[in-house]
């Protein structure tokens, strides 16, 4: 069992930056690939980013490439989402998720069913 807690959300102006953190419980954080998803009001939850167990492989949604970056610190049991050049359309609740496996199949990284554990989410609001 992995318990995930997101933090770092808030209100920011367009063009600004935020760094989200996701702290995981347990001593086996390195056994999990991690992902970030988001859900905007009235929309389905969508994939944002993923990272394998040691950070050697990352994936980003086309909508956030060049602006967002995912990273992890295994000794701290934490995964990060650095968000730069934020746009109003980035407004959403951001969720952290854990996949029970060190690596992930790039063909399925976008699908929610790949992930076994989810956090409660953190709100990000970008004003224009």
Protein backbone atom coordinates (compact mmCIF):
# COMPACT_ATOMS: atom_id res chain seq x y z
CA UNK A 1 0.00 0.00 0.00
CA UNK A 2 1.24 3.47 -0.92
CA UNK A 3 -0.26 6.67 0.43
CA UNK A 4 0.27 9.75 -1.73
CA UNK A 5 -0.09 13.37 -0.63
CA UNK A 6 0.22 16.24 -3.09
CA UNK A 7 1.18 19.79 -2.17
CA UNK A 8 2.32 23.00 -3.80
CA UNK A 9 -0.81 24.02 -5.62
CA UNK A 10 -2.22 27.50 -5.50
CA UNK A 11 -3.16 30.60 -7.43
CA UNK A 12 -0.63 32.01 -9.90
CA UNK A 13 -0.75 34.52 -12.73
CA UNK A 14 -0.32 33.43 -16.32
CA UNK A 15 3.36 33.10 -17.14
CA UNK A 16 4.24 32.16 -13.60
CA UNK A 17 5.63 28.96 -12.13
CA UNK A 18 4.70 26.42 -9.50
CA UNK A 19 6.33 23.25 -8.27
CA UNK A 20 4.06 20.47 -7.13
CA UNK A 21 5.29 17.80 -4.75
CA UNK A 22 3.93 14.35 -4.06
CA UNK A 23 5.11 12.62 -0.92
CA UNK A 24 4.74 8.86 -0.74
CA UNK A 25 4.57 6.68 2.33
CA UNK A 26 6.46 3.45 2.70
CA UNK A 27 10.00 2.25 2.15
CA UNK A 28 9.63 0.96 -1.39
CA UNK A 29 9.18 4.21 -3.30
CA UNK A 30 11.90 3.17 -5.71
CA UNK A 31 9.77 0.23 -6.83
CA UNK A 32 7.15 2.52 -8.35
CA UNK A 33 6.97 4.50 -11.53
CA UNK A 34 5.09 7.72 -10.86
CA UNK A 35 2.73 9.90 -12.81
CA UNK A 36 0.88 13.18 -12.72
CA UNK A 37 -2.63 13.69 -14.08
CA UNK A 38 -4.96 16.67 -14.01
CA UNK A 39 -8.67 17.30 -14.22
CA UNK A 40 -10.13 20.62 -15.25
CA UNK A 41 -13.72 21.57 -14.40
CA UNK A 42 -16.15 19.75 -16.64
CA UNK A 43 -13.42 17.69 -18.29
CA UNK A 44 -12.06 14.20 -17.94
CA UNK A 45 -8.85 13.54 -16.08
CA UNK A 46 -5.87 13.64 -18.42
CA UNK A 47 -2.26 12.52 -18.35
CA UNK A 48 0.42 15.13 -17.70
CA UNK A 49 3.72 13.41 -16.97
CA UNK A 50 5.36 10.17 -15.84
CA UNK A 51 8.75 9.05 -14.60
CA UNK A 52 10.27 5.64 -14.10
CA UNK A 53 11.87 4.42 -10.88
CA UNK A 54 15.23 6.16 -11.24
CA UNK A 55 14.30 9.13 -13.39
CA UNK A 56 15.99 7.69 -16.43
CA UNK A 57 12.78 7.70 -18.45
CA UNK A 58 10.19 10.45 -18.47
CA UNK A 59 7.10 11.18 -20.53
CA UNK A 60 5.21 14.44 -20.94
CA UNK A 61 1.91 15.24 -22.59
CA UNK A 62 2.27 17.30 -25.75
CA UNK A 63 0.32 20.15 -24.15
CA UNK A 64 2.98 20.65 -21.45
CA UNK A 65 6.21 19.77 -23.22
CA UNK A 66 8.77 22.61 -23.10
CA UNK A 67 6.97 24.02 -20.03
CA UNK A 68 6.70 21.23 -17.42
CA UNK A 69 9.26 18.81 -16.03
CA UNK A 70 8.91 15.76 -13.80
CA UNK A 71 11.59 14.59 -11.40
CA UNK A 72 11.91 12.46 -8.28
CA UNK A 73 14.02 12.17 -5.17
CA UNK A 74 13.89 8.57 -4.00
CA UNK A 75 15.58 9.09 -0.60
CA UNK A 76 12.87 11.68 0.13
CA UNK A 77 10.05 9.50 -1.29
CA UNK A 78 8.94 12.46 -3.36
CA UNK A 79 8.09 13.17 -6.98
CA UNK A 80 7.91 16.70 -8.35
CA UNK A 81 6.18 18.50 -11.18
CA UNK A 82 7.86 21.76 -12.11
CA UNK A 83 5.42 23.91 -14.05
CA UNK A 84 6.67 26.98 -15.90
CA UNK A 85 5.03 29.46 -18.27
CA UNK A 86 1.66 28.55 -16.85
CA UNK A 87 -1.47 29.25 -18.87
CA UNK A 88 -5.10 29.64 -17.78
CA UNK A 89 -5.83 26.32 -19.48
CA UNK A 90 -3.48 24.62 -17.01
CA UNK A 91 -6.07 25.31 -14.30
CA UNK A 92 -7.06 21.95 -12.84
CA UNK A 93 -6.80 19.64 -9.89
CA UNK A 94 -3.47 17.84 -10.20
CA UNK A 95 -3.19 14.24 -9.06
CA UNK A 96 -0.18 12.15 -8.29
CA UNK A 97 -0.33 8.43 -9.09
CA UNK A 98 1.89 5.40 -8.51
CA UNK A 99 2.36 2.42 -10.82
CA UNK A 100 3.38 -0.82 -9.12
CA UNK A 101 6.42 -1.40 -11.27
CA UNK A 102 9.76 0.31 -11.77
CA UNK A 103 9.23 0.98 -15.44
CA UNK A 104 6.19 1.63 -17.58
CA UNK A 105 5.06 0.80 -21.07
CA UNK A 106 5.11 4.06 -23.02
CA UNK A 107 2.04 2.86 -24.92
CA UNK A 108 -0.03 2.82 -21.73
CA UNK A 109 1.51 5.61 -19.67
CA UNK A 110 -1.42 7.84 -20.56
CA UNK A 111 -4.06 5.49 -19.18
CA UNK A 112 -5.37 5.76 -15.65
CA UNK A 113 -5.69 1.99 -15.32
CA UNK A 114 -1.89 1.67 -15.36
CA UNK A 115 -1.70 3.31 -11.95
CA UNK A 116 -2.46 1.53 -8.71
CA UNK A 117 -2.52 4.34 -6.16
CA UNK A 118 -3.76 7.93 -6.30
CA UNK A 119 -3.47 11.01 -4.19
CA UNK A 120 -6.32 13.36 -3.28
CA UNK A 121 -5.15 16.11 -5.60
CA UNK A 122 -4.02 19.71 -5.30
CA UNK A 123 -5.72 22.66 -6.97
CA UNK A 124 -3.80 24.81 -9.43
CA UNK A 125 -5.46 27.98 -10.65
CA UNK A 126 -3.86 30.18 -13.29
CA UNK A 127 -5.35 33.64 -13.71
CA UNK A 128 -5.16 35.55 -16.98
